[in-house]
N, C-alpha and C. Protein backbone atom coordinates (compact mmCIF):
# COMPACT_ATOMS: atom_id res chain seq x y z
N MET A 1 11.17 13.53 -19.36
CA MET A 1 10.57 13.15 -18.10
C MET A 1 9.07 13.39 -18.19
N LEU A 2 8.29 12.48 -17.59
CA LEU A 2 6.85 12.63 -17.56
C LEU A 2 6.46 13.49 -16.37
N ILE A 3 5.47 14.32 -16.54
CA ILE A 3 4.99 15.18 -15.47
C ILE A 3 3.60 14.71 -15.06
N GLU A 4 3.39 14.50 -13.77
CA GLU A 4 2.07 14.06 -13.33
C GLU A 4 1.10 15.23 -13.30
N LYS A 5 -0.18 14.96 -13.60
CA LYS A 5 -1.20 16.00 -13.60
C LYS A 5 -1.59 16.39 -12.18
N THR A 6 -1.72 15.40 -11.31
CA THR A 6 -2.09 15.67 -9.92
C THR A 6 -1.30 14.74 -9.02
N ARG A 7 -1.19 15.12 -7.79
CA ARG A 7 -0.54 14.25 -6.81
C ARG A 7 -1.48 13.08 -6.54
N ALA A 8 -0.99 11.87 -6.66
CA ALA A 8 -1.84 10.69 -6.49
C ALA A 8 -1.77 10.18 -5.06
N ALA A 9 -2.89 9.82 -4.51
CA ALA A 9 -2.95 9.19 -3.19
C ALA A 9 -3.97 8.08 -3.26
N PHE A 10 -3.71 6.97 -2.55
CA PHE A 10 -4.71 5.92 -2.62
C PHE A 10 -5.83 6.22 -1.64
N ASP A 11 -7.02 5.87 -2.04
CA ASP A 11 -8.22 6.23 -1.31
C ASP A 11 -8.83 4.96 -0.74
N PRO A 12 -9.29 4.85 0.47
CA PRO A 12 -9.43 5.98 1.37
C PRO A 12 -8.08 6.45 1.92
N ILE A 13 -8.00 7.73 2.23
CA ILE A 13 -6.75 8.31 2.71
C ILE A 13 -6.33 7.61 4.00
N VAL A 14 -7.28 7.34 4.88
CA VAL A 14 -6.99 6.59 6.10
C VAL A 14 -7.79 5.29 6.04
N LEU A 15 -7.10 4.16 6.14
CA LEU A 15 -7.76 2.86 6.08
C LEU A 15 -7.67 2.19 7.45
N PRO A 16 -8.82 1.92 8.09
CA PRO A 16 -8.78 1.22 9.38
C PRO A 16 -8.23 -0.19 9.22
N LEU A 17 -7.35 -0.60 10.11
CA LEU A 17 -6.79 -1.95 10.04
C LEU A 17 -7.83 -3.02 10.35
N THR A 18 -8.95 -2.63 10.97
CA THR A 18 -10.01 -3.61 11.21
C THR A 18 -10.60 -4.11 9.89
N ASN A 19 -10.37 -3.40 8.80
CA ASN A 19 -10.82 -3.85 7.47
C ASN A 19 -9.92 -4.95 6.91
N VAL A 20 -8.73 -5.13 7.49
CA VAL A 20 -7.78 -6.13 7.02
C VAL A 20 -8.01 -7.39 7.87
N GLY A 21 -8.85 -8.27 7.38
CA GLY A 21 -9.27 -9.43 8.16
C GLY A 21 -8.19 -10.49 8.32
N ALA A 22 -8.52 -11.51 9.14
CA ALA A 22 -7.62 -12.63 9.37
C ALA A 22 -7.42 -13.42 8.08
N ASN A 23 -6.18 -13.79 7.81
CA ASN A 23 -5.84 -14.57 6.61
C ASN A 23 -6.45 -13.98 5.34
N SER A 24 -6.35 -12.67 5.19
CA SER A 24 -6.97 -12.04 4.01
C SER A 24 -6.18 -10.83 3.53
N THR A 25 -6.59 -10.36 2.37
CA THR A 25 -6.01 -9.17 1.77
C THR A 25 -7.11 -8.15 1.53
N GLN A 26 -6.88 -6.92 1.96
CA GLN A 26 -7.81 -5.83 1.71
C GLN A 26 -7.29 -5.07 0.49
N ASN A 27 -7.98 -5.21 -0.65
CA ASN A 27 -7.54 -4.54 -1.87
C ASN A 27 -7.82 -3.05 -1.80
N GLY A 28 -6.85 -2.27 -2.22
CA GLY A 28 -7.03 -0.83 -2.29
C GLY A 28 -7.69 -0.45 -3.60
N VAL A 29 -7.97 0.82 -3.76
CA VAL A 29 -8.54 1.30 -5.02
C VAL A 29 -7.40 1.59 -5.99
N GLU A 30 -7.75 1.71 -7.24
CA GLU A 30 -6.74 1.93 -8.28
C GLU A 30 -6.18 3.35 -8.22
N ILE A 31 -4.89 3.45 -8.47
CA ILE A 31 -4.23 4.75 -8.64
C ILE A 31 -3.90 4.84 -10.13
N ASP A 32 -4.36 5.88 -10.79
CA ASP A 32 -4.13 6.07 -12.22
C ASP A 32 -3.01 7.09 -12.39
N PHE A 33 -1.86 6.63 -12.87
CA PHE A 33 -0.71 7.52 -13.04
C PHE A 33 -0.63 8.17 -14.41
N ASP A 34 -1.64 7.95 -15.26
CA ASP A 34 -1.71 8.56 -16.59
C ASP A 34 -0.66 8.06 -17.56
N ALA A 35 0.30 7.27 -17.10
CA ALA A 35 1.34 6.75 -18.01
C ALA A 35 2.06 5.58 -17.34
N LYS A 36 2.57 4.69 -18.13
CA LYS A 36 3.32 3.55 -17.62
C LYS A 36 4.62 4.02 -16.96
N ASN A 37 4.98 3.39 -15.84
CA ASN A 37 6.24 3.66 -15.13
C ASN A 37 6.40 5.11 -14.69
N GLN A 38 5.32 5.83 -14.49
CA GLN A 38 5.45 7.25 -14.19
C GLN A 38 6.24 7.52 -12.91
N MET A 39 6.03 6.75 -11.86
CA MET A 39 6.78 7.01 -10.62
C MET A 39 8.26 6.77 -10.81
N VAL A 40 8.61 5.79 -11.60
CA VAL A 40 10.02 5.51 -11.87
C VAL A 40 10.64 6.68 -12.62
N GLU A 41 9.91 7.18 -13.61
CA GLU A 41 10.42 8.28 -14.43
C GLU A 41 10.53 9.60 -13.67
N THR A 42 9.65 9.82 -12.69
CA THR A 42 9.64 11.11 -12.00
C THR A 42 10.34 11.07 -10.65
N ASN A 43 11.01 9.95 -10.33
CA ASN A 43 11.71 9.81 -9.05
C ASN A 43 10.80 10.06 -7.86
N GLU A 44 9.61 9.48 -7.91
CA GLU A 44 8.69 9.59 -6.79
C GLU A 44 8.57 8.25 -6.10
N VAL A 45 8.12 8.30 -4.87
CA VAL A 45 8.07 7.10 -4.04
C VAL A 45 6.68 6.97 -3.43
N LEU A 46 6.26 5.74 -3.26
CA LEU A 46 5.02 5.43 -2.57
C LEU A 46 5.35 5.13 -1.12
N GLU A 47 4.68 5.82 -0.21
CA GLU A 47 4.93 5.63 1.22
C GLU A 47 3.63 5.28 1.93
N VAL A 48 3.67 4.22 2.73
CA VAL A 48 2.52 3.80 3.53
C VAL A 48 2.97 3.81 4.99
N TYR A 49 2.17 4.44 5.85
CA TYR A 49 2.57 4.57 7.25
C TYR A 49 1.36 4.45 8.17
N LEU A 50 1.63 4.20 9.45
CA LEU A 50 0.58 4.07 10.45
C LEU A 50 0.14 5.44 10.94
N THR A 51 -1.15 5.72 10.86
CA THR A 51 -1.68 6.97 11.40
C THR A 51 -2.20 6.78 12.81
N GLU A 52 -2.41 5.51 13.19
CA GLU A 52 -2.85 5.17 14.54
C GLU A 52 -2.29 3.80 14.89
N LYS A 53 -1.79 3.65 16.10
CA LYS A 53 -1.19 2.39 16.54
C LYS A 53 -2.16 1.22 16.37
N ALA A 54 -1.63 0.10 15.87
CA ALA A 54 -2.44 -1.10 15.70
C ALA A 54 -2.63 -1.80 17.04
N THR A 55 -3.84 -2.32 17.25
CA THR A 55 -4.13 -3.09 18.46
C THR A 55 -4.81 -4.40 18.07
N SER A 56 -4.71 -5.39 18.98
CA SER A 56 -5.31 -6.69 18.72
C SER A 56 -5.26 -7.53 19.99
N ALA A 57 -6.17 -8.55 20.06
CA ALA A 57 -6.10 -9.52 21.15
C ALA A 57 -5.15 -10.65 20.81
N GLY A 58 -4.65 -10.70 19.53
CA GLY A 58 -3.72 -11.73 19.08
C GLY A 58 -2.46 -11.09 18.51
N SER A 59 -1.94 -11.66 17.43
CA SER A 59 -0.70 -11.16 16.82
C SER A 59 -0.81 -11.09 15.30
N PRO A 60 -1.70 -10.25 14.78
CA PRO A 60 -1.78 -10.12 13.33
C PRO A 60 -0.53 -9.46 12.77
N THR A 61 -0.30 -9.64 11.49
CA THR A 61 0.82 -9.01 10.81
C THR A 61 0.27 -8.16 9.66
N LEU A 62 1.10 -7.28 9.15
CA LEU A 62 0.69 -6.42 8.05
C LEU A 62 1.78 -6.43 6.97
N GLN A 63 1.34 -6.59 5.73
CA GLN A 63 2.25 -6.54 4.59
C GLN A 63 1.58 -5.72 3.49
N VAL A 64 2.35 -4.84 2.87
CA VAL A 64 1.87 -4.04 1.75
C VAL A 64 2.17 -4.79 0.46
N ILE A 65 1.16 -4.91 -0.39
CA ILE A 65 1.28 -5.56 -1.68
C ILE A 65 0.99 -4.51 -2.76
N VAL A 66 1.86 -4.39 -3.74
CA VAL A 66 1.65 -3.45 -4.84
C VAL A 66 1.41 -4.25 -6.11
N GLU A 67 0.29 -3.96 -6.76
CA GLU A 67 -0.08 -4.65 -7.99
C GLU A 67 -0.27 -3.65 -9.11
N THR A 68 -0.13 -4.12 -10.34
CA THR A 68 -0.41 -3.29 -11.50
C THR A 68 -1.42 -4.02 -12.37
N LYS A 69 -2.20 -3.25 -13.12
CA LYS A 69 -3.22 -3.83 -13.99
C LYS A 69 -2.85 -3.57 -15.43
N ASN A 70 -2.78 -4.63 -16.21
CA ASN A 70 -2.42 -4.47 -17.63
C ASN A 70 -3.64 -3.98 -18.42
N PRO A 71 -3.44 -3.59 -19.68
CA PRO A 71 -4.56 -3.07 -20.49
C PRO A 71 -5.73 -4.05 -20.63
N GLU A 72 -5.48 -5.35 -20.44
CA GLU A 72 -6.55 -6.34 -20.51
C GLU A 72 -7.33 -6.43 -19.20
N GLY A 73 -6.92 -5.70 -18.16
CA GLY A 73 -7.64 -5.68 -16.89
C GLY A 73 -7.20 -6.72 -15.88
N VAL A 74 -6.06 -7.36 -16.11
CA VAL A 74 -5.57 -8.39 -15.21
C VAL A 74 -4.51 -7.80 -14.27
N TYR A 75 -4.70 -8.03 -12.95
CA TYR A 75 -3.72 -7.57 -11.96
C TYR A 75 -2.60 -8.57 -11.81
N ARG A 76 -1.39 -8.05 -11.54
CA ARG A 76 -0.26 -8.90 -11.17
C ARG A 76 0.55 -8.14 -10.13
N GLN A 77 1.11 -8.90 -9.18
CA GLN A 77 1.90 -8.30 -8.12
C GLN A 77 3.25 -7.87 -8.68
N VAL A 78 3.67 -6.64 -8.36
CA VAL A 78 4.96 -6.15 -8.81
C VAL A 78 5.93 -5.92 -7.65
N ALA A 79 5.40 -5.81 -6.44
CA ALA A 79 6.26 -5.59 -5.28
C ALA A 79 5.49 -5.92 -4.01
N SER A 80 6.25 -6.17 -2.95
CA SER A 80 5.64 -6.37 -1.64
C SER A 80 6.60 -5.89 -0.58
N GLY A 81 6.04 -5.41 0.50
CA GLY A 81 6.86 -4.97 1.62
C GLY A 81 7.16 -6.12 2.55
N GLU A 82 7.92 -5.83 3.57
CA GLU A 82 8.22 -6.83 4.60
C GLU A 82 6.96 -7.13 5.40
N VAL A 83 6.91 -8.31 5.98
CA VAL A 83 5.82 -8.65 6.90
C VAL A 83 6.16 -7.99 8.23
N VAL A 84 5.26 -7.10 8.68
CA VAL A 84 5.52 -6.30 9.88
C VAL A 84 4.70 -6.86 11.04
N PRO A 85 5.35 -7.19 12.17
CA PRO A 85 4.61 -7.72 13.32
C PRO A 85 3.83 -6.61 14.05
N LEU A 86 2.86 -7.03 14.82
CA LEU A 86 2.02 -6.10 15.57
C LEU A 86 2.85 -5.14 16.43
N SER A 87 3.91 -5.63 17.05
CA SER A 87 4.71 -4.80 17.95
C SER A 87 5.36 -3.61 17.24
N ALA A 88 5.56 -3.70 15.94
CA ALA A 88 6.19 -2.61 15.18
C ALA A 88 5.17 -1.66 14.56
N LEU A 89 3.89 -1.97 14.70
CA LEU A 89 2.85 -1.16 14.06
C LEU A 89 2.39 -0.04 14.99
N VAL A 90 3.31 0.88 15.25
CA VAL A 90 3.04 2.02 16.12
C VAL A 90 2.78 3.27 15.28
N GLU A 91 2.13 4.25 15.86
CA GLU A 91 1.81 5.47 15.13
C GLU A 91 3.06 6.09 14.53
N GLY A 92 3.00 6.42 13.26
CA GLY A 92 4.12 7.04 12.57
C GLY A 92 5.06 6.06 11.89
N ALA A 93 4.95 4.78 12.20
CA ALA A 93 5.84 3.79 11.60
C ALA A 93 5.58 3.67 10.10
N VAL A 94 6.65 3.68 9.32
CA VAL A 94 6.55 3.52 7.87
C VAL A 94 6.65 2.03 7.57
N VAL A 95 5.62 1.46 6.93
CA VAL A 95 5.62 0.03 6.63
C VAL A 95 5.99 -0.25 5.17
N TYR A 96 6.03 0.81 4.35
CA TYR A 96 6.44 0.63 2.95
C TYR A 96 6.86 1.99 2.41
N LYS A 97 8.07 2.05 1.84
CA LYS A 97 8.54 3.29 1.25
C LYS A 97 9.52 2.93 0.16
N VAL A 98 9.07 3.00 -1.08
CA VAL A 98 9.94 2.62 -2.20
C VAL A 98 9.33 3.15 -3.49
N ALA A 99 10.19 3.44 -4.45
CA ALA A 99 9.70 3.79 -5.79
C ALA A 99 9.15 2.52 -6.42
N LEU A 100 8.10 2.65 -7.20
CA LEU A 100 7.55 1.48 -7.85
C LEU A 100 8.57 0.90 -8.81
N PRO A 101 8.62 -0.42 -8.89
CA PRO A 101 9.61 -1.06 -9.76
C PRO A 101 9.29 -0.90 -11.23
N ASP A 102 10.29 -1.11 -12.06
CA ASP A 102 10.09 -1.11 -13.49
C ASP A 102 9.04 -2.17 -13.83
N GLY A 103 8.23 -1.91 -14.82
CA GLY A 103 7.22 -2.89 -15.21
C GLY A 103 5.81 -2.54 -14.79
N CYS A 104 5.65 -1.42 -14.08
CA CYS A 104 4.30 -1.00 -13.69
C CYS A 104 3.57 -0.43 -14.90
N ASP A 105 2.31 -0.78 -15.02
CA ASP A 105 1.48 -0.17 -16.05
C ASP A 105 0.88 1.12 -15.50
N GLN A 106 -0.06 1.68 -16.21
CA GLN A 106 -0.66 2.95 -15.81
C GLN A 106 -1.45 2.84 -14.50
N ILE A 107 -2.11 1.72 -14.29
CA ILE A 107 -2.95 1.52 -13.11
C ILE A 107 -2.19 0.70 -12.06
N VAL A 108 -2.15 1.22 -10.84
CA VAL A 108 -1.48 0.56 -9.72
C VAL A 108 -2.47 0.47 -8.56
N ARG A 109 -2.39 -0.63 -7.80
CA ARG A 109 -3.25 -0.81 -6.63
C ARG A 109 -2.39 -1.19 -5.44
N VAL A 110 -2.65 -0.57 -4.30
CA VAL A 110 -1.93 -0.86 -3.07
C VAL A 110 -2.89 -1.62 -2.16
N SER A 111 -2.51 -2.84 -1.77
CA SER A 111 -3.35 -3.68 -0.92
C SER A 111 -2.63 -3.99 0.37
N LEU A 112 -3.41 -4.35 1.40
CA LEU A 112 -2.86 -4.69 2.71
C LEU A 112 -3.21 -6.13 3.03
N LYS A 113 -2.22 -6.88 3.51
CA LYS A 113 -2.38 -8.31 3.73
C LYS A 113 -2.07 -8.69 5.17
N ASN A 114 -2.87 -9.60 5.72
CA ASN A 114 -2.66 -10.15 7.06
C ASN A 114 -2.63 -11.66 6.91
N ASP A 115 -1.49 -12.28 7.14
CA ASP A 115 -1.31 -13.72 6.94
C ASP A 115 -1.57 -14.56 8.19
N THR A 116 -2.17 -13.99 9.21
CA THR A 116 -2.40 -14.76 10.43
C THR A 116 -3.90 -14.95 10.66
N ALA A 117 -4.23 -15.81 11.61
CA ALA A 117 -5.63 -16.05 11.96
C ALA A 117 -6.15 -15.00 12.94
N ASP A 118 -5.29 -14.08 13.36
CA ASP A 118 -5.68 -13.04 14.32
C ASP A 118 -6.19 -11.81 13.60
N THR A 119 -7.00 -11.03 14.28
CA THR A 119 -7.58 -9.82 13.68
C THR A 119 -7.09 -8.57 14.41
N PHE A 120 -7.18 -7.45 13.72
CA PHE A 120 -6.88 -6.15 14.31
C PHE A 120 -8.14 -5.63 15.00
N THR A 121 -7.96 -5.00 16.16
CA THR A 121 -9.09 -4.37 16.85
C THR A 121 -9.01 -2.85 16.76
N GLY A 122 -7.91 -2.34 16.24
CA GLY A 122 -7.75 -0.90 16.09
C GLY A 122 -6.51 -0.59 15.29
N GLY A 123 -6.36 0.67 14.94
CA GLY A 123 -5.22 1.12 14.15
C GLY A 123 -5.65 1.52 12.75
N SER A 124 -4.83 2.32 12.10
CA SER A 124 -5.14 2.75 10.75
C SER A 124 -3.86 3.10 10.00
N VAL A 125 -3.94 3.03 8.68
CA VAL A 125 -2.81 3.38 7.82
C VAL A 125 -3.23 4.41 6.80
N SER A 126 -2.24 5.08 6.25
CA SER A 126 -2.45 6.04 5.19
C SER A 126 -1.29 5.89 4.22
N GLY A 127 -1.47 6.39 3.02
CA GLY A 127 -0.40 6.32 2.04
C GLY A 127 -0.46 7.46 1.07
N PHE A 128 0.68 7.79 0.49
CA PHE A 128 0.73 8.86 -0.51
C PHE A 128 1.95 8.69 -1.39
N VAL A 129 1.96 9.46 -2.44
CA VAL A 129 3.09 9.49 -3.36
C VAL A 129 3.82 10.81 -3.12
N ARG A 130 5.15 10.72 -2.99
CA ARG A 130 5.91 11.95 -2.74
C ARG A 130 7.27 11.88 -3.42
N PRO A 131 7.93 13.01 -3.60
CA PRO A 131 9.27 13.01 -4.20
C PRO A 131 10.24 12.25 -3.31
N LEU A 132 11.29 11.70 -3.90
CA LEU A 132 12.32 10.97 -3.12
C LEU A 132 12.97 11.86 -2.09
């Protein structure tokens, strides 16, 4: 079994939903797990949740996208969460909770996607890696 050096969290720890624009994806920063498939090997899970209720004058949606970067520096999507409507984006709601799938390289990025023409006026999310 691989042992992680430090607990990994994607930064910023709290991401305002106002950064997730209409019909766009807000890319997260890279998480370096020091080894390929480390979360799979250590039975850890990535969890993304609302730290503040989402607000809007319209009906934006939120989807978590998980990508991995190969040694050549190219990202590819390895997983995605369900599309979550505004009404479900309340404080404490978990929008993504799953172990990373097989096939992840050492570098993983968690991004947030809004597929509508509406924007968020408030709300924030956070994410971390934790044991199952």
